[in-house]
Amino acid sequence: MARELNVLVVDDDPIDQRLLSSALRKCSDGIRIRTADGGLEALDAFSKDGLPDLVVTDIKMPGIDGHQLVDLIRGTPKYCCIPIVAYSTSMDEQDVRNAYMEGANAYIVKPSSQADYLEVGRAIVDFWTKTAELPRLS
């Protein structure tokens, strides 16, 4: 049985942010989506709105980018167990490698169509609500 999922989508591109958020919502009634335009806003959301069950973050962003955000989350004891999906247009092997080395739990290349967004949304929701056991965060 699927559980509820509280997801923070971090992306400086409002279109990509909207497409992924919409796809995730369409895949489950038990999903709560919050959004942040960058790494600093994501960290602010942690303290203002509570910790998410999952962070999906773009890698290439101005300011605190996704790589730095993953590093900061993993380096902060209170946040370090939050699952993170790195999400980028980049297929560069170094970006993929860096995301995993920094502690991302998965790396997904941004879809190129709305149908592909739905497929990615379904995979994220199914894995994190039906397959993976999430840590209890306080």
C-alpha atoms as a PDB file:
ATOM      1  CA  MET A   1       0.000   0.000   0.000  1.00  0.00           C
ATOM      2  CA  ALA A   2       1.324   3.420  -0.939  1.00  0.00           C
ATOM      3  CA  ARG A   3       2.083   5.900   1.819  1.00  0.00           C
ATOM      4  CA  GLU A   4       1.818   9.653   1.807  1.00  0.00           C
ATOM      5  CA  LEU A   5       4.839  11.500   0.516  1.00  0.00           C
ATOM      6  CA  ASN A   6       5.961  15.057   1.240  1.00  0.00           C
ATOM      7  CA  VAL A   7       8.237  16.171  -1.637  1.00  0.00           C
ATOM      8  CA  LEU A   8      10.275  19.338  -2.011  1.00  0.00           C
ATOM      9  CA  VAL A   9      10.986  20.116  -5.689  1.00  0.00           C
ATOM     10  CA  VAL A  10      13.945  22.496  -6.053  1.00  0.00           C
ATOM     11  CA  ASP A  11      14.369  24.049  -9.500  1.00  0.00           C
ATOM     12  CA  ASP A  12      15.146  27.558 -10.709  1.00  0.00           C
ATOM     13  CA  ASP A  13      13.239  26.936 -13.963  1.00  0.00           C
ATOM     14  CA  PRO A  14       9.538  27.590 -13.241  1.00  0.00           C
ATOM     15  CA  ILE A  15       8.402  25.478 -16.216  1.00  0.00           C
ATOM     16  CA  ASP A  16      10.408  22.415 -15.157  1.00  0.00           C
ATOM     17  CA  GLN A  17       9.301  22.969 -11.563  1.00  0.00           C
ATOM     18  CA  ARG A  18       5.644  23.081 -12.641  1.00  0.00           C
ATOM     19  CA  LEU A  19       5.909  20.092 -15.002  1.00  0.00           C
ATOM     20  CA  LEU A  20       7.504  17.836 -12.400  1.00  0.00           C
ATOM     21  CA  SER A  21       5.183  18.980  -9.603  1.00  0.00           C
ATOM     22  CA  SER A  22       2.141  18.387 -11.798  1.00  0.00           C
ATOM     23  CA  ALA A  23       3.369  14.944 -12.861  1.00  0.00           C
ATOM     24  CA  LEU A  24       3.991  13.920  -9.254  1.00  0.00           C
ATOM     25  CA  ARG A  25       0.514  15.091  -8.200  1.00  0.00           C
ATOM     26  CA  LYS A  26      -1.103  13.139 -11.032  1.00  0.00           C
ATOM     27  CA  CYS A  27       0.601   9.964  -9.858  1.00  0.00           C
ATOM     28  CA  SER A  28      -0.756   9.933  -6.321  1.00  0.00           C
ATOM     29  CA  ASP A  29      -3.461  11.513  -4.206  1.00  0.00           C
ATOM     30  CA  GLY A  30      -1.260  11.073  -1.150  1.00  0.00           C
ATOM     31  CA  ILE A  31       1.478  13.439  -2.253  1.00  0.00           C
ATOM     32  CA  ARG A  32       2.230  16.903  -0.933  1.00  0.00           C
ATOM     33  CA  ILE A  33       4.429  19.041  -3.144  1.00  0.00           C
ATOM     34  CA  ARG A  34       6.350  22.086  -2.004  1.00  0.00           C
ATOM     35  CA  THR A  35       8.655  24.018  -4.300  1.00  0.00           C
ATOM     36  CA  ALA A  36      11.773  26.116  -3.958  1.00  0.00           C
ATOM     37  CA  ASP A  37      13.540  28.184  -6.609  1.00  0.00           C
ATOM     38  CA  GLY A  38      17.038  27.344  -5.377  1.00  0.00           C
ATOM     39  CA  GLY A  39      19.189  25.837  -2.672  1.00  0.00           C
ATOM     40  CA  LEU A  40      18.875  28.689  -0.182  1.00  0.00           C
ATOM     41  CA  GLU A  41      15.078  28.721  -0.493  1.00  0.00           C
ATOM     42  CA  ALA A  42      15.050  24.934  -0.019  1.00  0.00           C
ATOM     43  CA  LEU A  43      17.007  25.196   3.222  1.00  0.00           C
ATOM     44  CA  ASP A  44      14.676  27.973   4.389  1.00  0.00           C
ATOM     45  CA  ALA A  45      11.701  25.694   3.646  1.00  0.00           C
ATOM     46  CA  PHE A  46      13.178  23.027   5.932  1.00  0.00           C
ATOM     47  CA  SER A  47      13.013  25.373   8.921  1.00  0.00           C
ATOM     48  CA  LYS A  48       9.745  27.115   7.974  1.00  0.00           C
ATOM     49  CA  ASP A  49       7.652  24.185   6.734  1.00  0.00           C
ATOM     50  CA  GLY A  50       9.322  21.139   8.271  1.00  0.00           C
ATOM     51  CA  LEU A  51      11.470  18.472   6.692  1.00  0.00           C
ATOM     52  CA  PRO A  52      10.308  16.811   3.485  1.00  0.00           C
ATOM     53  CA  ASP A  53      10.274  13.040   2.995  1.00  0.00           C
ATOM     54  CA  LEU A  54      12.135  13.514  -0.299  1.00  0.00           C
ATOM     55  CA  VAL A  55      14.029  16.292  -2.081  1.00  0.00           C
ATOM     56  CA  VAL A  56      14.139  16.373  -5.885  1.00  0.00           C
ATOM     57  CA  THR A  57      16.697  18.990  -6.864  1.00  0.00           C
ATOM     58  CA  ASP A  58      17.957  20.419 -10.105  1.00  0.00           C
ATOM     59  CA  ILE A  59      21.739  20.425 -10.274  1.00  0.00           C
ATOM     60  CA  LYS A  60      22.399  23.497 -12.413  1.00  0.00           C
ATOM     61  CA  MET A  61      21.048  26.526 -10.528  1.00  0.00           C
ATOM     62  CA  PRO A  62      22.434  29.954  -9.656  1.00  0.00           C
ATOM     63  CA  GLY A  63      23.508  30.626  -6.081  1.00  0.00           C
ATOM     64  CA  ILE A  64      23.491  27.433  -4.039  1.00  0.00           C
ATOM     65  CA  ASP A  65      23.284  24.877  -6.838  1.00  0.00           C
ATOM     66  CA  GLY A  66      22.076  21.297  -6.541  1.00  0.00           C
ATOM     67  CA  HIS A  67      25.555  19.913  -5.897  1.00  0.00           C
ATOM     68  CA  GLN A  68      26.046  22.336  -3.010  1.00  0.00           C
ATOM     69  CA  LEU A  69      22.526  21.632  -1.712  1.00  0.00           C
ATOM     70  CA  VAL A  70      23.202  17.888  -1.622  1.00  0.00           C
ATOM     71  CA  ASP A  71      26.478  18.577   0.185  1.00  0.00           C
ATOM     72  CA  LEU A  72      24.769  20.841   2.727  1.00  0.00           C
ATOM     73  CA  ILE A  73      21.957  18.369   3.389  1.00  0.00           C
ATOM     74  CA  ARG A  74      24.355  15.460   3.843  1.00  0.00           C
ATOM     75  CA  GLY A  75      26.637  17.559   6.054  1.00  0.00           C
ATOM     76  CA  THR A  76      23.873  18.635   8.447  1.00  0.00           C
ATOM     77  CA  PRO A  77      23.013  15.947  11.027  1.00  0.00           C
ATOM     78  CA  LYS A  78      19.383  17.071  11.287  1.00  0.00           C
ATOM     79  CA  TYR A  79      18.913  16.733   7.490  1.00  0.00           C
ATOM     80  CA  CYS A  80      21.409  14.040   6.517  1.00  0.00           C
ATOM     81  CA  CYS A  81      18.892  11.178   6.155  1.00  0.00           C
ATOM     82  CA  ILE A  82      16.548  12.992   3.765  1.00  0.00           C
ATOM     83  CA  PRO A  83      16.496  11.056   0.478  1.00  0.00           C
ATOM     84  CA  ILE A  84      17.638  13.175  -2.471  1.00  0.00           C
ATOM     85  CA  VAL A  85      17.009  12.732  -6.176  1.00  0.00           C
ATOM     86  CA  ALA A  86      19.320  14.843  -8.354  1.00  0.00           C
ATOM     87  CA  TYR A  87      17.496  16.001 -11.455  1.00  0.00           C
ATOM     88  CA  SER A  88      19.158  17.754 -14.387  1.00  0.00           C
ATOM     89  CA  THR A  89      19.306  18.256 -18.126  1.00  0.00           C
ATOM     90  CA  SER A  90      22.967  17.283 -17.874  1.00  0.00           C
ATOM     91  CA  MET A  91      23.991  13.807 -18.978  1.00  0.00           C
ATOM     92  CA  ASP A  92      27.625  14.664 -18.286  1.00  0.00           C
ATOM     93  CA  GLU A  93      29.301  11.742 -16.519  1.00  0.00           C
ATOM     94  CA  GLN A  94      31.057  14.095 -14.095  1.00  0.00           C
ATOM     95  CA  ASP A  95      27.741  15.665 -13.007  1.00  0.00           C
ATOM     96  CA  VAL A  96      26.270  12.199 -12.443  1.00  0.00           C
ATOM     97  CA  ARG A  97      29.357  11.011 -10.567  1.00  0.00           C
ATOM     98  CA  ASN A  98      29.517  14.172  -8.440  1.00  0.00           C
ATOM     99  CA  ALA A  99      25.852  13.909  -7.477  1.00  0.00           C
ATOM    100  CA  TYR A 100      26.341  10.355  -6.225  1.00  0.00           C
ATOM    101  CA  MET A 101      29.644  11.172  -4.508  1.00  0.00           C
ATOM    102  CA  GLU A 102      27.943  14.062  -2.685  1.00  0.00           C
ATOM    103  CA  GLY A 103      25.254  11.702  -1.447  1.00  0.00           C
ATOM    104  CA  ALA A 104      22.338  11.816  -3.880  1.00  0.00           C
ATOM    105  CA  ASN A 105      20.245   8.647  -3.791  1.00  0.00           C
ATOM    106  CA  ALA A 106      19.445   8.817  -7.511  1.00  0.00           C
ATOM    107  CA  TYR A 107      20.168  10.862 -10.619  1.00  0.00           C
ATOM    108  CA  ILE A 108      17.474  11.472 -13.227  1.00  0.00           C
ATOM    109  CA  VAL A 109      17.882  13.294 -16.539  1.00  0.00           C
ATOM    110  CA  LYS A 110      15.064  15.806 -17.003  1.00  0.00           C
ATOM    111  CA  PRO A 111      12.408  14.533 -19.384  1.00  0.00           C
ATOM    112  CA  SER A 112      11.842  16.162 -22.749  1.00  0.00           C
ATOM    113  CA  SER A 113       8.059  15.759 -23.016  1.00  0.00           C
ATOM    114  CA  GLN A 114       5.010  15.915 -20.782  1.00  0.00           C
ATOM    115  CA  ALA A 115       4.460  12.173 -21.229  1.00  0.00           C
ATOM    116  CA  ASP A 116       8.043  11.546 -20.108  1.00  0.00           C
ATOM    117  CA  TYR A 117       7.473  13.756 -17.046  1.00  0.00           C
ATOM    118  CA  LEU A 118       4.529  11.541 -16.110  1.00  0.00           C
ATOM    119  CA  GLU A 119       6.700   8.454 -16.501  1.00  0.00           C
ATOM    120  CA  VAL A 120       9.413   9.950 -14.288  1.00  0.00           C
ATOM    121  CA  GLY A 121       6.793  11.126 -11.781  1.00  0.00           C
ATOM    122  CA  ARG A 122       5.294   7.637 -11.622  1.00  0.00           C
ATOM    123  CA  ALA A 123       8.732   6.052 -11.093  1.00  0.00           C
ATOM    124  CA  ILE A 124       9.576   8.484  -8.274  1.00  0.00           C
ATOM    125  CA  VAL A 125       6.217   8.069  -6.548  1.00  0.00           C
ATOM    126  CA  ASP A 126       6.137   4.285  -6.911  1.00  0.00           C
ATOM    127  CA  PHE A 127       9.663   3.795  -5.628  1.00  0.00           C
ATOM    128  CA  TRP A 128       9.483   6.197  -2.683  1.00  0.00           C
ATOM    129  CA  THR A 129       5.937   5.235  -1.596  1.00  0.00           C
ATOM    130  CA  LYS A 130       5.749   1.516  -2.383  1.00  0.00           C
ATOM    131  CA  THR A 131       9.279   0.135  -2.449  1.00  0.00           C
ATOM    132  CA  ALA A 132      11.681   2.191  -0.333  1.00  0.00           C
ATOM    133  CA  GLU A 133      11.475   2.430   3.420  1.00  0.00           C
ATOM    134  CA  LEU A 134      11.858   6.072   4.381  1.00  0.00           C
ATOM    135  CA  PRO A 135      13.512   7.210   7.603  1.00  0.00           C
ATOM    136  CA  ARG A 136      11.429   9.003  10.214  1.00  0.00           C
ATOM    137  CA  LEU A 137      12.595  12.594  10.275  1.00  0.00           C
ATOM    138  CA  SER A 138      11.979  15.033  13.086  1.00  0.00           C
END
